[in-house]
Structure formats: C-alpha cells, structure tokens
C-alpha cells in the first residue's frame, strides 16, 4: 500500500511540474513583442541558386500572367 501511495505521489508531482512549466512558458510567449499574424523573420535566407526550377505558367504574385520564353 505504501509503495502505491509513493508512486501516486511521484506521478502527481511530475504532473504538477509539467503543468507549471507549461504555464510559465505560455506566460513568456504571451509577453513577446511580436503580435500574432505579424511575426518577423529573424533569419536572412540566401537567394535561390540559378538552377532552381521556376514555374513557367500561371499568375505571379501581382496577379499578372507570366510570359514563358522558350529561348531562356
């Protein structure tokens, strides 16, 4: 019986520690200056290499149809 109570107590302490850690982490995340939906990139990615395959048909981000050049 004593062993069962010890295991239950250890499980309860572990669960309480996990809940406290989650509350602490959520509190720090909520205090950040970046509002949701307007996050900023903290990394500057290099440009894609020249051999990157690009789309040849469809619309660009500006909504204009892309012209495909066969001799490119």
PDB file of N, CA and C in Angstrom:
ATOM      1  N   UNK A   1       0.827  -1.196   0.000  1.00  0.00           N
ATOM      2  CA  UNK A   1       0.000   0.000   0.000  1.00  0.00           C
ATOM      3  C   UNK A   1       0.870   1.257   0.000  1.00  0.00           C
ATOM      4  N   UNK A   2       1.931   1.243   0.765  1.00  0.00           N
ATOM      5  CA  UNK A   2       2.814   2.398   0.856  1.00  0.00           C
ATOM      6  C   UNK A   2       3.488   2.657  -0.488  1.00  0.00           C
ATOM      7  N   UNK A   3       3.862   1.590  -1.177  1.00  0.00           N
ATOM      8  CA  UNK A   3       4.512   1.738  -2.488  1.00  0.00           C
ATOM      9  C   UNK A   3       3.553   2.374  -3.497  1.00  0.00           C
ATOM     10  N   UNK A   4       2.286   1.994  -3.450  1.00  0.00           N
ATOM     11  CA  UNK A   4       1.287   2.561  -4.349  1.00  0.00           C
ATOM     12  C   UNK A   4       1.119   4.055  -4.090  1.00  0.00           C
ATOM     13  N   UNK A   5       1.097   4.449  -2.825  1.00  0.00           N
ATOM     14  CA  UNK A   5       0.977   5.868  -2.491  1.00  0.00           C
ATOM     15  C   UNK A   5       2.212   6.649  -2.938  1.00  0.00           C
ATOM     16  N   UNK A   6       3.400   6.053  -2.837  1.00  0.00           N
ATOM     17  CA  UNK A   6       4.625   6.698  -3.268  1.00  0.00           C
ATOM     18  C   UNK A   6       4.608   6.924  -4.786  1.00  0.00           C
ATOM     19  N   UNK A   7       4.188   5.913  -5.543  1.00  0.00           N
ATOM     20  CA  UNK A   7       4.103   6.039  -6.997  1.00  0.00           C
ATOM     21  C   UNK A   7       3.071   7.095  -7.373  1.00  0.00           C
ATOM     22  N   UNK A   8       1.939   7.119  -6.693  1.00  0.00           N
ATOM     23  CA  UNK A   8       0.902   8.119  -6.967  1.00  0.00           C
ATOM     24  C   UNK A   8       1.404   9.524  -6.643  1.00  0.00           C
ATOM     25  N   UNK A   9       2.143   9.664  -5.551  1.00  0.00           N
ATOM     26  CA  UNK A   9       2.685  10.970  -5.168  1.00  0.00           C
ATOM     27  C   UNK A   9       3.711  11.449  -6.197  1.00  0.00           C
ATOM     28  N   UNK A  10       4.570  10.548  -6.659  1.00  0.00           N
ATOM     29  CA  UNK A  10       5.567  10.915  -7.674  1.00  0.00           C
ATOM     30  C   UNK A  10       4.871  11.322  -8.968  1.00  0.00           C
ATOM     31  N   UNK A  11       3.828  10.602  -9.362  1.00  0.00           N
ATOM     32  CA  UNK A  11       3.082  10.939 -10.573  1.00  0.00           C
ATOM     33  C   UNK A  11       2.403  12.297 -10.423  1.00  0.00           C
ATOM     34  N   UNK A  12       1.859  12.577  -9.253  1.00  0.00           N
ATOM     35  CA  UNK A  12       1.200  13.858  -9.019  1.00  0.00           C
ATOM     36  C   UNK A  12       2.200  15.008  -9.058  1.00  0.00           C
ATOM     37  N   UNK A  13       3.379  14.822  -8.483  1.00  0.00           N
ATOM     38  CA  UNK A  13       4.409  15.860  -8.501  1.00  0.00           C
ATOM     39  C   UNK A  13       4.890  16.088  -9.938  1.00  0.00           C
ATOM     40  N   UNK A  14       5.078  15.014 -10.708  1.00  0.00           N
ATOM     41  CA  UNK A  14       5.507  15.150 -12.102  1.00  0.00           C
ATOM     42  C   UNK A  14       4.448  15.891 -12.927  1.00  0.00           C
ATOM     43  N   UNK A  15       3.183  15.568 -12.727  1.00  0.00           N
ATOM     44  CA  UNK A  15       2.107  16.243 -13.451  1.00  0.00           C
ATOM     45  C   UNK A  15       2.041  17.724 -13.069  1.00  0.00           C
ATOM     46  N   UNK A  16       2.199  18.028 -11.793  1.00  0.00           N
ATOM     47  CA  UNK A  16       2.176  19.420 -11.343  1.00  0.00           C
ATOM     48  C   UNK A  16       3.361  20.190 -11.925  1.00  0.00           C
ATOM     49  N   UNK A  17       4.525  19.557 -12.001  1.00  0.00           N
ATOM     50  CA  UNK A  17       5.696  20.217 -12.577  1.00  0.00           C
ATOM     51  C   UNK A  17       5.489  20.481 -14.066  1.00  0.00           C
ATOM     52  N   UNK A  18       4.887  19.538 -14.777  1.00  0.00           N
ATOM     53  CA  UNK A  18       4.625  19.720 -16.205  1.00  0.00           C
ATOM     54  C   UNK A  18       3.626  20.862 -16.433  1.00  0.00           C
ATOM     55  N   UNK A  19       2.600  20.918 -15.616  1.00  0.00           N
ATOM     56  CA  UNK A  19       1.604  21.991 -15.736  1.00  0.00           C
ATOM     57  C   UNK A  19       2.239  23.345 -15.422  1.00  0.00           C
ATOM     58  N   UNK A  20       3.064  23.400 -14.381  1.00  0.00           N
ATOM     59  CA  UNK A  20       3.726  24.659 -14.022  1.00  0.00           C
ATOM     60  C   UNK A  20       4.669  25.118 -15.136  1.00  0.00           C
ATOM     61  N   UNK A  21       5.397  24.186 -15.747  1.00  0.00           N
ATOM     62  CA  UNK A  21       6.299  24.543 -16.845  1.00  0.00           C
ATOM     63  C   UNK A  21       5.513  25.071 -18.040  1.00  0.00           C
ATOM     64  N   UNK A  22       4.391  24.456 -18.354  1.00  0.00           N
ATOM     65  CA  UNK A  22       3.560  24.924 -19.466  1.00  0.00           C
ATOM     66  C   UNK A  22       3.010  26.324 -19.198  1.00  0.00           C
ATOM     67  N   UNK A  23       2.555  26.579 -17.997  1.00  0.00           N
ATOM     68  CA  UNK A  23       2.025  27.900 -17.653  1.00  0.00           C
ATOM     69  C   UNK A  23       3.135  28.945 -17.738  1.00  0.00           C
ATOM     70  N   UNK A  24       4.325  28.605 -17.255  1.00  0.00           N
ATOM     71  CA  UNK A  24       5.449  29.530 -17.314  1.00  0.00           C
ATOM     72  C   UNK A  24       5.829  29.836 -18.756  1.00  0.00           C
ATOM     73  N   UNK A  25       5.919  28.808 -19.592  1.00  0.00           N
ATOM     74  CA  UNK A  25       6.286  29.012 -20.994  1.00  0.00           C
ATOM     75  C   UNK A  25       5.217  29.785 -21.751  1.00  0.00           C
ATOM     76  N   UNK A  26       3.959  29.515 -21.491  1.00  0.00           N
ATOM     77  CA  UNK A  26       2.888  30.256 -22.145  1.00  0.00           C
ATOM     78  C   UNK A  26       2.889  31.717 -21.715  1.00  0.00           C
ATOM     79  N   UNK A  27       3.213  31.971 -20.466  1.00  0.00           N
ATOM     80  CA  UNK A  27       3.289  33.341 -19.979  1.00  0.00           C
ATOM     81  C   UNK A  27       4.403  34.113 -20.663  1.00  0.00           C
ATOM     82  N   UNK A  28       5.536  33.467 -20.885  1.00  0.00           N
ATOM     83  CA  UNK A  28       6.642  34.138 -21.578  1.00  0.00           C
ATOM     84  C   UNK A  28       6.305  34.362 -23.042  1.00  0.00           C
ATOM     85  N   UNK A  29       5.642  33.412 -23.675  1.00  0.00           N
ATOM     86  CA  UNK A  29       5.286  33.555 -25.087  1.00  0.00           C
ATOM     87  C   UNK A  29       4.273  34.683 -25.272  1.00  0.00           C
ATOM     88  N   UNK A  30       3.369  34.841 -24.338  1.00  0.00           N
ATOM     89  CA  UNK A  30       2.353  35.887 -24.441  1.00  0.00           C
ATOM     90  C   UNK A  30       2.959  37.269 -24.223  1.00  0.00           C
ATOM     91  N   UNK A  31       4.102  37.348 -23.552  1.00  0.00           N
ATOM     92  CA  UNK A  31       4.727  38.633 -23.265  1.00  0.00           C
ATOM     93  C   UNK A  31       5.622  39.115 -24.401  1.00  0.00           C
ATOM     94  N   UNK A  32       5.708  38.367 -25.479  1.00  0.00           N
ATOM     95  CA  UNK A  32       6.576  38.737 -26.592  1.00  0.00           C
ATOM     96  C   UNK A  32       6.038  39.967 -27.312  1.00  0.00           C
ATOM     97  N   UNK A  33       6.912  40.695 -27.986  1.00  0.00           N
ATOM     98  CA  UNK A  33       6.518  41.916 -28.695  1.00  0.00           C
ATOM     99  C   UNK A  33       5.906  41.642 -30.057  1.00  0.00           C
ATOM    100  N   UNK A  34       6.045  40.443 -30.594  1.00  0.00           N
ATOM    101  CA  UNK A  34       5.526  40.122 -31.917  1.00  0.00           C
ATOM    102  C   UNK A  34       4.063  39.720 -31.820  1.00  0.00           C
ATOM    103  N   UNK A  35       3.143  40.544 -32.316  1.00  0.00           N
ATOM    104  CA  UNK A  35       1.735  40.147 -32.291  1.00  0.00           C
ATOM    105  C   UNK A  35       1.485  39.001 -33.272  1.00  0.00           C
ATOM    106  N   UNK A  36       0.536  38.190 -32.952  1.00  0.00           N
ATOM    107  CA  UNK A  36       0.207  37.047 -33.796  1.00  0.00           C
ATOM    108  C   UNK A  36      -0.240  37.548 -35.161  1.00  0.00           C
ATOM    109  N   UNK A  37       0.263  36.928 -36.218  1.00  0.00           N
ATOM    110  CA  UNK A  37      -0.077  37.319 -37.570  1.00  0.00           C
ATOM    111  C   UNK A  37       0.879  38.330 -38.162  1.00  0.00           C
ATOM    112  N   UNK A  38       1.746  38.892 -37.345  1.00  0.00           N
ATOM    113  CA  UNK A  38       2.720  39.856 -37.833  1.00  0.00           C
ATOM    114  C   UNK A  38       4.112  39.483 -37.348  1.00  0.00           C
ATOM    115  N   UNK A  39       4.427  38.199 -37.389  1.00  0.00           N
ATOM    116  CA  UNK A  39       5.731  37.729 -36.943  1.00  0.00           C
ATOM    117  C   UNK A  39       6.798  38.147 -37.941  1.00  0.00           C
ATOM    118  N   UNK A  40       7.983  38.398 -37.466  1.00  0.00           N
ATOM    119  CA  UNK A  40       9.071  38.806 -38.335  1.00  0.00           C
ATOM    120  C   UNK A  40      10.095  37.696 -38.429  1.00  0.00           C
ATOM    121  N   UNK A  41      10.762  37.634 -39.563  1.00  0.00           N
ATOM    122  CA  UNK A  41      11.800  36.634 -39.770  1.00  0.00           C
ATOM    123  C   UNK A  41      13.068  37.101 -39.081  1.00  0.00           C
ATOM    124  N   UNK A  42      13.690  36.225 -38.361  1.00  0.00           N
ATOM    125  CA  UNK A  42      14.934  36.558 -37.685  1.00  0.00           C
ATOM    126  C   UNK A  42      16.128  36.001 -38.449  1.00  0.00           C
ATOM    127  N   UNK A  43      15.872  35.388 -39.574  1.00  0.00           N
ATOM    128  CA  UNK A  43      16.929  34.771 -40.361  1.00  0.00           C
ATOM    129  C   UNK A  43      16.914  35.376 -41.761  1.00  0.00           C
ATOM    130  N   UNK A  44      18.079  35.632 -42.310  1.00  0.00           N
ATOM    131  CA  UNK A  44      18.182  36.119 -43.681  1.00  0.00           C
ATOM    132  C   UNK A  44      18.586  34.936 -44.549  1.00  0.00           C
ATOM    133  N   UNK A  45      17.649  34.442 -45.323  1.00  0.00           N
ATOM    134  CA  UNK A  45      17.912  33.287 -46.166  1.00  0.00           C
ATOM    135  C   UNK A  45      18.635  33.707 -47.436  1.00  0.00           C
ATOM    136  N   UNK A  46      19.552  32.868 -47.913  1.00  0.00           N
ATOM    137  CA  UNK A  46      20.241  33.212 -49.156  1.00  0.00           C
ATOM    138  C   UNK A  46      19.296  33.083 -50.347  1.00  0.00           C
ATOM    139  N   UNK A  47      19.653  33.733 -51.442  1.00  0.00           N
ATOM    140  CA  UNK A  47      18.842  33.648 -52.662  1.00  0.00           C
ATOM    141  C   UNK A  47      18.909  32.228 -53.205  1.00  0.00           C
ATOM    142  N   UNK A  48      17.870  31.843 -53.929  1.00  0.00           N
ATOM    143  CA  UNK A  48      17.831  30.508 -54.524  1.00  0.00           C
ATOM    144  C   UNK A  48      18.913  30.404 -55.596  1.00  0.00           C
ATOM    145  N   UNK A  49      19.507  29.215 -55.749  1.00  0.00           N
ATOM    146  CA  UNK A  49      20.525  29.057 -56.783  1.00  0.00           C
ATOM    147  C   UNK A  49      19.931  29.215 -58.186  1.00  0.00           C
ATOM    148  N   UNK A  50      20.792  29.500 -59.154  1.00  0.00           N
ATOM    149  CA  UNK A  50      20.343  29.751 -60.523  1.00  0.00           C
ATOM    150  C   UNK A  50      19.663  28.539 -61.141  1.00  0.00           C
ATOM    151  N   UNK A  51      20.009  27.338 -60.698  1.00  0.00           N
ATOM    152  CA  UNK A  51      19.439  26.126 -61.286  1.00  0.00           C
ATOM    153  C   UNK A  51      18.071  25.771 -60.711  1.00  0.00           C
ATOM    154  N   UNK A  52      17.522  26.597 -59.840  1.00  0.00           N
ATOM    155  CA  UNK A  52      16.211  26.344 -59.256  1.00  0.00           C
ATOM    156  C   UNK A  52      15.131  26.367 -60.337  1.00  0.00           C
ATOM    157  N   UNK A  53      14.274  25.375 -60.339  1.00  0.00           N
ATOM    158  CA  UNK A  53      13.187  25.292 -61.323  1.00  0.00           C
ATOM    159  C   UNK A  53      12.105  26.287 -60.931  1.00  0.00           C
ATOM    160  N   UNK A  54      11.763  27.156 -61.837  1.00  0.00           N
ATOM    161  CA  UNK A  54      10.742  28.173 -61.595  1.00  0.00           C
ATOM    162  C   UNK A  54       9.481  27.812 -62.368  1.00  0.00           C
ATOM    163  N   UNK A  55       8.309  28.224 -61.909  1.00  0.00           N
ATOM    164  CA  UNK A  55       7.080  27.970 -62.658  1.00  0.00           C
ATOM    165  C   UNK A  55       7.104  28.703 -63.994  1.00  0.00           C
ATOM    166  N   UNK A  56       6.532  28.085 -65.028  1.00  0.00           N
ATOM    167  CA  UNK A  56       6.546  28.701 -66.356  1.00  0.00           C
ATOM    168  C   UNK A  56       5.168  29.164 -66.790  1.00  0.00           C
ATOM    169  N   UNK A  57       4.145  28.855 -66.052  1.00  0.00           N
ATOM    170  CA  UNK A  57       2.793  29.263 -66.425  1.00  0.00           C
ATOM    171  C   UNK A  57       2.045  29.673 -65.157  1.00  0.00           C
ATOM    172  N   UNK A  58       0.982  30.405 -65.342  1.00  0.00           N
ATOM    173  CA  UNK A  58       0.167  30.802 -64.201  1.00  0.00           C
ATOM    174  C   UNK A  58       0.289  32.282 -63.936  1.00  0.00           C
ATOM    175  N   UNK A  59      -0.004  32.671 -62.735  1.00  0.00           N
ATOM    176  CA  UNK A  59      -0.014  34.078 -62.364  1.00  0.00           C
ATOM    177  C   UNK A  59       1.067  34.340 -61.331  1.00  0.00           C
ATOM    178  N   UNK A  60       1.691  35.481 -61.437  1.00  0.00           N
ATOM    179  CA  UNK A  60       2.680  35.873 -60.454  1.00  0.00           C
ATOM    180  C   UNK A  60       1.962  36.383 -59.209  1.00  0.00           C
ATOM    181  N   UNK A  61       2.715  36.776 -58.243  1.00  0.00           N
ATOM    182  CA  UNK A  61       2.114  37.286 -57.007  1.00  0.00           C
ATOM    183  C   UNK A  61       1.334  38.568 -57.243  1.00  0.00           C
ATOM    184  N   UNK A  62       1.703  39.325 -58.272  1.00  0.00           N
ATOM    185  CA  UNK A  62       0.991  40.565 -58.580  1.00  0.00           C
ATOM    186  C   UNK A  62      -0.289  40.305 -59.348  1.00  0.00           C
ATOM    187  N   UNK A  63      -0.538  39.073 -59.763  1.00  0.00           N
ATOM    188  CA  UNK A  63      -1.760  38.746 -60.467  1.00  0.00           C
ATOM    189  C   UNK A  63      -1.656  38.831 -61.972  1.00  0.00           C
ATOM    190  N   UNK A  64      -0.468  39.150 -62.498  1.00  0.00           N
ATOM    191  CA  UNK A  64      -0.279  39.241 -63.939  1.00  0.00           C
ATOM    192  C   UNK A  64       0.111  37.880 -64.503  1.00  0.00           C
ATOM    193  N   UNK A  65      -0.349  37.569 -65.672  1.00  0.00           N
ATOM    194  CA  UNK A  65       0.015  36.308 -66.308  1.00  0.00           C
ATOM    195  C   UNK A  65       1.504  36.323 -66.622  1.00  0.00           C
ATOM    196  N   UNK A  66       2.154  35.204 -66.389  1.00  0.00           N
ATOM    197  CA  UNK A  66       3.586  35.070 -66.644  1.00  0.00           C
ATOM    198  C   UNK A  66       3.814  34.680 -68.082  1.00  0.00           C
ATOM    199  N   UNK A  67       4.734  35.373 -68.729  1.00  0.00           N
ATOM    200  CA  UNK A  67       5.050  35.016 -70.110  1.00  0.00           C
ATOM    201  C   UNK A  67       6.198  34.037 -70.127  1.00  0.00           C
ATOM    202  N   UNK A  68       6.033  32.945 -70.831  1.00  0.00           N
ATOM    203  CA  UNK A  68       7.072  31.930 -70.934  1.00  0.00           C
ATOM    204  C   UNK A  68       7.951  32.238 -72.143  1.00  0.00           C
ATOM    205  N   UNK A  69       9.261  32.218 -71.951  1.00  0.00           N
ATOM    206  CA  UNK A  69      10.208  32.464 -73.045  1.00  0.00           C
ATOM    207  C   UNK A  69      10.931  31.168 -73.341  1.00  0.00           C
ATOM    208  N   UNK A  70      10.781  30.663 -74.564  1.00  0.00           N
ATOM    209  CA  UNK A  70      11.367  29.387 -74.954  1.00  0.00           C
ATOM    210  C   UNK A  70      12.886  29.472 -75.057  1.00  0.00           C
ATOM    211  N   UNK A  71      13.447  30.642 -75.329  1.00  0.00           N
ATOM    212  CA  UNK A  71      14.871  30.746 -75.522  1.00  0.00           C
ATOM    213  C   UNK A  71      15.610  31.173 -74.256  1.00  0.00           C
ATOM    214  N   UNK A  72      14.980  31.118 -73.098  1.00  0.00           N
ATOM    215  CA  UNK A  72      15.653  31.434 -71.820  1.00  0.00           C
ATOM    216  C   UNK A  72      16.456  30.278 -71.320  1.00  0.00           C
TER     217      UNK A  72
END
